[in-house]
Each structure stands twice: as structure tokens, then as C-alpha cells.
C-alpha atoms as a PDB file:
ATOM      1  CA  MET A   1      -9.049 -46.553  21.199  1.00  0.00           C
ATOM      2  CA  ARG A   2      -6.887 -43.916  21.132  1.00  0.00           C
ATOM      3  CA  LYS A   3      -5.766 -44.491  17.082  1.00  0.00           C
ATOM      4  CA  ILE A   4      -9.014 -44.786  16.382  1.00  0.00           C
ATOM      5  CA  LEU A   5      -9.958 -41.398  17.680  1.00  0.00           C
ATOM      6  CA  THR A   6      -6.756 -39.864  15.913  1.00  0.00           C
ATOM      7  CA  LEU A   7      -7.881 -41.178  12.907  1.00  0.00           C
ATOM      8  CA  LEU A   8     -11.391 -39.914  13.645  1.00  0.00           C
ATOM      9  CA  PHE A   9     -10.137 -36.836  13.983  1.00  0.00           C
ATOM     10  CA  LEU A  10      -7.530 -35.969  10.979  1.00  0.00           C
ATOM     11  CA  THR A  11     -10.387 -37.430   8.916  1.00  0.00           C
ATOM     12  CA  LEU A  12     -12.786 -34.718   9.943  1.00  0.00           C
ATOM     13  CA  CYS A  13      -9.907 -32.142   9.732  1.00  0.00           C
ATOM     14  CA  LEU A  14      -9.300 -32.972   6.433  1.00  0.00           C
ATOM     15  CA  THR A  15     -13.060 -33.017   5.218  1.00  0.00           C
ATOM     16  CA  ALA A  16     -13.230 -29.481   7.052  1.00  0.00           C
ATOM     17  CA  CYS A  17     -10.844 -28.220   5.462  1.00  0.00           C
ATOM     18  CA  GLN A  18     -11.838 -29.556   1.363  1.00  0.00           C
ATOM     19  CA  ASN A  19     -15.088 -28.468   2.106  1.00  0.00           C
ATOM     20  CA  ASN A  20     -13.388 -24.679   2.883  1.00  0.00           C
ATOM     21  CA  GLN A  21     -10.738 -24.825   0.122  1.00  0.00           C
ATOM     22  CA  ASN A  22     -12.631 -23.120  -2.624  1.00  0.00           C
ATOM     23  CA  GLN A  23     -14.189 -20.690   0.468  1.00  0.00           C
ATOM     24  CA  PRO A  24     -13.530 -16.844   0.271  1.00  0.00           C
ATOM     25  CA  GLN A  25     -10.537 -15.901   2.937  1.00  0.00           C
ATOM     26  CA  ASN A  26     -11.963 -13.243   5.533  1.00  0.00           C
ATOM     27  CA  ILE A  27      -8.582 -11.985   6.220  1.00  0.00           C
ATOM     28  CA  ASN A  28      -8.003  -8.757   8.278  1.00  0.00           C
ATOM     29  CA  TYR A  29      -4.662  -7.550   7.969  1.00  0.00           C
ATOM     30  CA  THR A  30      -3.396  -4.718  10.349  1.00  0.00           C
ATOM     31  CA  ILE A  31       0.435  -3.650  10.397  1.00  0.00           C
ATOM     32  CA  ASN A  32       2.163   0.007  12.082  1.00  0.00           C
ATOM     33  CA  ASP A  33       1.302   0.587  15.416  1.00  0.00           C
ATOM     34  CA  THR A  34       1.047   4.516  13.737  1.00  0.00           C
ATOM     35  CA  ASP A  35      -0.979   6.925  16.067  1.00  0.00           C
ATOM     36  CA  PHE A  36      -2.585   9.038  14.343  1.00  0.00           C
ATOM     37  CA  SER A  37      -4.243  10.722  17.347  1.00  0.00           C
ATOM     38  CA  LYS A  38      -1.745  12.771  18.196  1.00  0.00           C
ATOM     39  CA  ALA A  39      -0.733  14.840  15.038  1.00  0.00           C
ATOM     40  CA  THR A  40      -1.671  18.288  13.766  1.00  0.00           C
ATOM     41  CA  VAL A  41      -2.859  16.244  10.585  1.00  0.00           C
ATOM     42  CA  ILE A  42      -3.184  19.058   7.407  1.00  0.00           C
ATOM     43  CA  GLY A  43      -4.218  16.305   4.823  1.00  0.00           C
ATOM     44  CA  THR A  44      -5.644  12.668   5.132  1.00  0.00           C
ATOM     45  CA  PHE A  45      -6.483   9.881   2.469  1.00  0.00           C
ATOM     46  CA  SER A  46      -7.506   6.257   2.995  1.00  0.00           C
ATOM     47  CA  THR A  47      -8.045   3.466   0.643  1.00  0.00           C
ATOM     48  CA  LYS A  48      -9.314  -0.339   0.812  1.00  0.00           C
ATOM     49  CA  ILE A  49      -7.456  -3.405  -0.489  1.00  0.00           C
ATOM     50  CA  THR A  50      -9.305  -5.547  -1.676  1.00  0.00           C
ATOM     51  CA  ASP A  51      -6.586  -7.744  -3.358  1.00  0.00           C
ATOM     52  CA  LYS A  52      -5.688  -9.287  -0.104  1.00  0.00           C
ATOM     53  CA  THR A  53      -3.561 -11.843  -1.979  1.00  0.00           C
ATOM     54  CA  PRO A  54       0.106 -12.620   0.504  1.00  0.00           C
ATOM     55  CA  GLU A  55       2.377 -11.385  -1.939  1.00  0.00           C
ATOM     56  CA  ARG A  56       0.954  -8.087  -2.915  1.00  0.00           C
ATOM     57  CA  PHE A  57       0.022  -7.490   0.951  1.00  0.00           C
ATOM     58  CA  ASN A  58       3.507  -7.873   1.439  1.00  0.00           C
ATOM     59  CA  ASN A  59       4.693  -5.698  -1.076  1.00  0.00           C
ATOM     60  CA  ILE A  60       2.031  -2.737   0.486  1.00  0.00           C
ATOM     61  CA  GLU A  61       3.673  -3.673   4.165  1.00  0.00           C
ATOM     62  CA  LEU A  62       6.926  -3.267   2.743  1.00  0.00           C
ATOM     63  CA  GLY A  63       6.388   0.244   1.364  1.00  0.00           C
ATOM     64  CA  VAL A  64       4.276   1.871   4.119  1.00  0.00           C
ATOM     65  CA  SER A  65       7.496   0.290   6.616  1.00  0.00           C
ATOM     66  CA  SER A  66       9.786   2.078   4.109  1.00  0.00           C
ATOM     67  CA  LEU A  67       7.425   5.627   3.568  1.00  0.00           C
ATOM     68  CA  ASN A  68       5.960   6.058   6.909  1.00  0.00           C
ATOM     69  CA  GLY A  69       7.631   8.787   8.920  1.00  0.00           C
ATOM     70  CA  ALA A  70       8.820  10.405   5.886  1.00  0.00           C
ATOM     71  CA  ILE A  71      10.205  14.313   6.607  1.00  0.00           C
ATOM     72  CA  ILE A  72      10.012  16.953   4.155  1.00  0.00           C
ATOM     73  CA  LYS A  73      11.247  20.085   5.028  1.00  0.00           C
ATOM     74  CA  PRO A  74      10.367  23.547   3.348  1.00  0.00           C
ATOM     75  CA  GLY A  75      11.127  24.262   0.004  1.00  0.00           C
ATOM     76  CA  GLU A  76      11.701  20.314  -0.022  1.00  0.00           C
ATOM     77  CA  THR A  77      10.824  17.919  -2.666  1.00  0.00           C
ATOM     78  CA  PHE A  78      10.092  14.783  -2.056  1.00  0.00           C
ATOM     79  CA  SER A  79       9.968  11.776  -4.613  1.00  0.00           C
ATOM     80  CA  PHE A  80       8.305   8.684  -4.329  1.00  0.00           C
ATOM     81  CA  ASN A  81      10.907   6.231  -5.809  1.00  0.00           C
ATOM     82  CA  ASP A  82      13.988   7.769  -3.874  1.00  0.00           C
ATOM     83  CA  ARG A  83      12.201   6.782  -0.608  1.00  0.00           C
ATOM     84  CA  ILE A  84      10.404   3.533  -1.265  1.00  0.00           C
ATOM     85  CA  GLY A  85      14.115   2.605  -3.121  1.00  0.00           C
ATOM     86  CA  ARG A  86      14.098  -0.270  -5.851  1.00  0.00           C
ATOM     87  CA  ARG A  87      11.176  -3.190  -5.925  1.00  0.00           C
ATOM     88  CA  THR A  88      13.626  -5.957  -6.102  1.00  0.00           C
ATOM     89  CA  SER A  89      13.464  -9.719  -4.350  1.00  0.00           C
ATOM     90  CA  GLU A  90      16.198  -9.115  -2.601  1.00  0.00           C
ATOM     91  CA  LYS A  91      14.806  -6.973  -0.400  1.00  0.00           C
ATOM     92  CA  GLY A  92      11.886  -8.764   0.063  1.00  0.00           C
ATOM     93  CA  TYR A  93       9.209  -7.894  -2.744  1.00  0.00           C
ATOM     94  CA  GLU A  94       7.162 -10.287  -4.320  1.00  0.00           C
ATOM     95  CA  LYS A  95       5.363 -10.658  -7.761  1.00  0.00           C
ATOM     96  CA  ALA A  96       2.105  -9.514  -7.777  1.00  0.00           C
ATOM     97  CA  ILE A  97      -0.692  -8.178 -10.374  1.00  0.00           C
ATOM     98  CA  ILE A  98       0.787  -4.832 -11.750  1.00  0.00           C
ATOM     99  CA  PHE A  99      -1.399  -3.373 -14.838  1.00  0.00           C
ATOM    100  CA  ASP A 100       1.741  -2.671 -17.696  1.00  0.00           C
ATOM    101  CA  GLY A 101       1.901   0.165 -20.045  1.00  0.00           C
ATOM    102  CA  HIS A 102      -0.839  -1.026 -22.333  1.00  0.00           C
ATOM    103  CA  GLY A 103      -3.723  -1.694 -19.420  1.00  0.00           C
ATOM    104  CA  ASN A 104      -3.218  -5.190 -19.381  1.00  0.00           C
ATOM    105  CA  LYS A 105      -2.874  -7.283 -15.713  1.00  0.00           C
ATOM    106  CA  GLU A 106       0.481  -9.454 -15.159  1.00  0.00           C
ATOM    107  CA  LYS A 107       2.214 -10.540 -12.421  1.00  0.00           C
ATOM    108  CA  GLY A 108       5.600  -7.867 -11.093  1.00  0.00           C
ATOM    109  CA  LEU A 109       7.530  -7.306  -8.183  1.00  0.00           C
ATOM    110  CA  GLY A 110       6.450  -5.166  -5.497  1.00  0.00           C
ATOM    111  CA  GLY A 111       2.710  -5.662  -7.698  1.00  0.00           C
ATOM    112  CA  GLY A 112       0.569  -3.233  -4.596  1.00  0.00           C
ATOM    113  CA  ILE A 113       3.374  -0.486  -4.449  1.00  0.00           C
ATOM    114  CA  CYS A 114       0.835   1.932  -6.566  1.00  0.00           C
ATOM    115  CA  GLN A 115      -1.876   1.939  -3.704  1.00  0.00           C
ATOM    116  CA  ILE A 116       0.828   3.542  -1.787  1.00  0.00           C
ATOM    117  CA  SER A 117       1.585   6.306  -3.800  1.00  0.00           C
ATOM    118  CA  SER A 118      -1.896   6.809  -5.029  1.00  0.00           C
ATOM    119  CA  THR A 119      -2.798   7.165  -1.599  1.00  0.00           C
ATOM    120  CA  LEU A 120       0.210   9.285  -0.938  1.00  0.00           C
ATOM    121  CA  TYR A 121      -1.066  11.651  -3.617  1.00  0.00           C
ATOM    122  CA  ASN A 122      -4.513  12.225  -2.552  1.00  0.00           C
ATOM    123  CA  ALA A 123      -3.433  13.033   1.387  1.00  0.00           C
ATOM    124  CA  ALA A 124      -0.699  15.636  -0.053  1.00  0.00           C
ATOM    125  CA  LEU A 125      -3.745  17.135  -2.860  1.00  0.00           C
ATOM    126  CA  ALA A 126      -5.875  17.353   0.980  1.00  0.00           C
ATOM    127  CA  ALA A 127      -2.547  19.157   2.226  1.00  0.00           C
ATOM    128  CA  ASN A 128      -2.520  21.763  -0.401  1.00  0.00           C
ATOM    129  CA  LEU A 129       1.615  20.401  -1.392  1.00  0.00           C
ATOM    130  CA  GLU A 130       2.304  20.983  -4.492  1.00  0.00           C
ATOM    131  CA  ILE A 131       2.137  17.605  -7.075  1.00  0.00           C
ATOM    132  CA  ILE A 132       5.598  18.251  -9.435  1.00  0.00           C
ATOM    133  CA  GLU A 133       5.126  14.913 -11.226  1.00  0.00           C
ATOM    134  CA  ARG A 134       2.429  12.412 -10.917  1.00  0.00           C
ATOM    135  CA  HIS A 135       1.101   9.596 -13.626  1.00  0.00           C
ATOM    136  CA  GLU A 136      -2.318   7.680 -14.126  1.00  0.00           C
ATOM    137  CA  HIS A 137      -2.445   4.505 -14.804  1.00  0.00           C
ATOM    138  CA  SER A 138      -2.967   2.914 -18.082  1.00  0.00           C
ATOM    139  CA  ARG A 139      -6.751   1.716 -16.886  1.00  0.00           C
ATOM    140  CA  ASP A 140      -8.853   2.201 -13.876  1.00  0.00           C
ATOM    141  CA  VAL A 141      -7.839   0.883 -10.606  1.00  0.00           C
ATOM    142  CA  PRO A 142     -10.258  -0.963  -8.235  1.00  0.00           C
ATOM    143  CA  TYR A 143      -8.774   1.205  -4.797  1.00  0.00           C
ATOM    144  CA  ILE A 144      -9.443   4.534  -6.280  1.00  0.00           C
ATOM    145  CA  GLU A 145     -12.081   6.632  -8.106  1.00  0.00           C
ATOM    146  CA  GLU A 146     -10.999   7.546 -12.109  1.00  0.00           C
ATOM    147  CA  GLY A 147      -8.181  10.116 -12.127  1.00  0.00           C
ATOM    148  CA  LYS A 148      -6.754   9.950  -8.636  1.00  0.00           C
ATOM    149  CA  ASP A 149      -3.943   7.692  -8.760  1.00  0.00           C
ATOM    150  CA  ALA A 150      -0.536   7.976  -8.745  1.00  0.00           C
ATOM    151  CA  THR A 151       1.289   4.995 -10.667  1.00  0.00           C
ATOM    152  CA  VAL A 152       5.142   4.481  -9.808  1.00  0.00           C
ATOM    153  CA  SER A 153       7.534   2.840 -12.178  1.00  0.00           C
ATOM    154  CA  TYR A 154      11.133   3.230 -10.298  1.00  0.00           C
ATOM    155  CA  GLY A 155      13.691   4.692 -12.643  1.00  0.00           C
ATOM    156  CA  ALA A 156      10.315   5.822 -15.186  1.00  0.00           C
ATOM    157  CA  GLU A 157       7.677   7.255 -13.438  1.00  0.00           C
ATOM    158  CA  ASP A 158       7.708   9.101 -10.035  1.00  0.00           C
ATOM    159  CA  LEU A 159       5.431  10.424  -7.822  1.00  0.00           C
ATOM    160  CA  LYS A 160       6.818  13.862  -6.253  1.00  0.00           C
ATOM    161  CA  ILE A 161       5.730  16.374  -3.872  1.00  0.00           C
ATOM    162  CA  LYS A 162       7.108  19.556  -3.212  1.00  0.00           C
ATOM    163  CA  ASN A 163       6.268  21.045   0.470  1.00  0.00           C
ATOM    164  CA  SER A 164       5.812  24.975  -0.046  1.00  0.00           C
ATOM    165  CA  LEU A 165       5.088  25.251   3.597  1.00  0.00           C
ATOM    166  CA  ASP A 166       6.835  27.350   5.593  1.00  0.00           C
ATOM    167  CA  ARG A 167       6.907  24.411   8.130  1.00  0.00           C
ATOM    168  CA  SER A 168       8.224  20.320   7.904  1.00  0.00           C
ATOM    169  CA  VAL A 169       5.255  18.004   7.407  1.00  0.00           C
ATOM    170  CA  ARG A 170       5.267  13.940   7.934  1.00  0.00           C
ATOM    171  CA  ILE A 171       3.871  11.527   6.382  1.00  0.00           C
ATOM    172  CA  SER A 172       2.438   8.500   8.431  1.00  0.00           C
ATOM    173  CA  ALA A 173       1.468   5.644   6.777  1.00  0.00           C
ATOM    174  CA  LYS A 174      -0.812   2.586   8.237  1.00  0.00           C
ATOM    175  CA  VAL A 175      -2.842  -0.176   7.514  1.00  0.00           C
ATOM    176  CA  GLU A 176      -5.493  -1.045   9.692  1.00  0.00           C
ATOM    177  CA  ASN A 177      -8.685  -3.030   8.786  1.00  0.00           C
ATOM    178  CA  ASN A 178      -7.904  -3.666   5.345  1.00  0.00           C
ATOM    179  CA  GLU A 179      -7.642   0.132   4.916  1.00  0.00           C
ATOM    180  CA  LEU A 180      -4.467   1.827   3.862  1.00  0.00           C
ATOM    181  CA  LYS A 181      -4.393   5.433   5.583  1.00  0.00           C
ATOM    182  CA  ILE A 182      -1.385   8.234   5.078  1.00  0.00           C
ATOM    183  CA  GLN A 183      -2.305  11.408   6.783  1.00  0.00           C
ATOM    184  CA  ILE A 184       0.080  13.777   6.334  1.00  0.00           C
ATOM    185  CA  GLU A 185       0.682  15.973   9.453  1.00  0.00           C
ATOM    186  CA  LYS A 186       2.993  19.294   9.934  1.00  0.00           C
ATOM    187  CA  GLN A 187       6.555  19.490  12.575  1.00  0.00           C
END
């Protein structure tokens, strides 16, 4: 009897798995426990994460972890590429969708990092920080309106932000409920 029940249970499980195989996954990712409520905020911006593939989300998680807590002193220029570093498989980055220089979709290490740089770019604009270097993608991206993006490519295209304020600023970054939020705070 026990064998029959076990066999019946496994059959039901396999049937349920097959029926749900082509159903969209509603995964709700949350990373970082940054508390945004305790800071003097001078600029903030958020973007929805629409492509929730595990590889892309992993890359965003790695990038957010590297970016979170960055301090930019008065007069200092912050380089996104210097802070995040080269996106390599040794650091845990995976291949996810990127746009090449001609606007074609392809898989590349670190796909998803540009959503972080684009979100940071807009938070820096909101904070009235000076943008020293910024590049647009070769085509529109789904997570931000046209002309508001900031593509990065290690060794080629960077996002550079100068702190022209008289106090240091801190970058806080987190992902919560499939939304990437970056805030810039006075220190």
C-alpha cells in the first residue's frame, strides 16, 4: 500500500510540474538590507527589473553589492567601472542579455549591469551632481525611458560622476520587490 501511495504521489507531482513548465514564473527577488529611512537623501531613482532571469539577477546582485556604500568626497570623481570592476566569471558574473554596439541582443558577461549604471545616473542627476562621462545604449532599453540610460563597458565606456558639493556623499543601493533603487545621501 505504501508503494502504491508513493507512486501515486510521484505521478501527481510530475504531472503538476509538467503542467506548470511553460507557465511564467512570478519570482520576487530582494537583495541587500540597506535601510533608506535613516539618511539625508539628496537624490533617488528606481527602475523596475523586468528581465528576471537568474543570470541577469545574479549580475545585478553582484553589482549592487559592489556599489552599495560607495563614498564620493567633495571634488572627487567617481568611476562606475573602477568601483564595480571588470565583470568576469571568476567574480561570479554570468552571461545574460546585453546589447552590442549595433543594437543587437546577445549574451555577454555581466548583462544587467547597465541597469545599475542607468539608475545611478538618474539618482546623480536628481542630487545635482556633475556628470563627467555618460554614454547611451545603441538602442532603447526596457527599464528606463529613452535618453535616460547610461551604458557601461569595462575599459571602454564609463559613468563618471563628480561630487561638486562641499560634503561627502554616499551611494546606497538595493533591490526590493523587483525594483532597483539607488539613493544618494549627504554625509
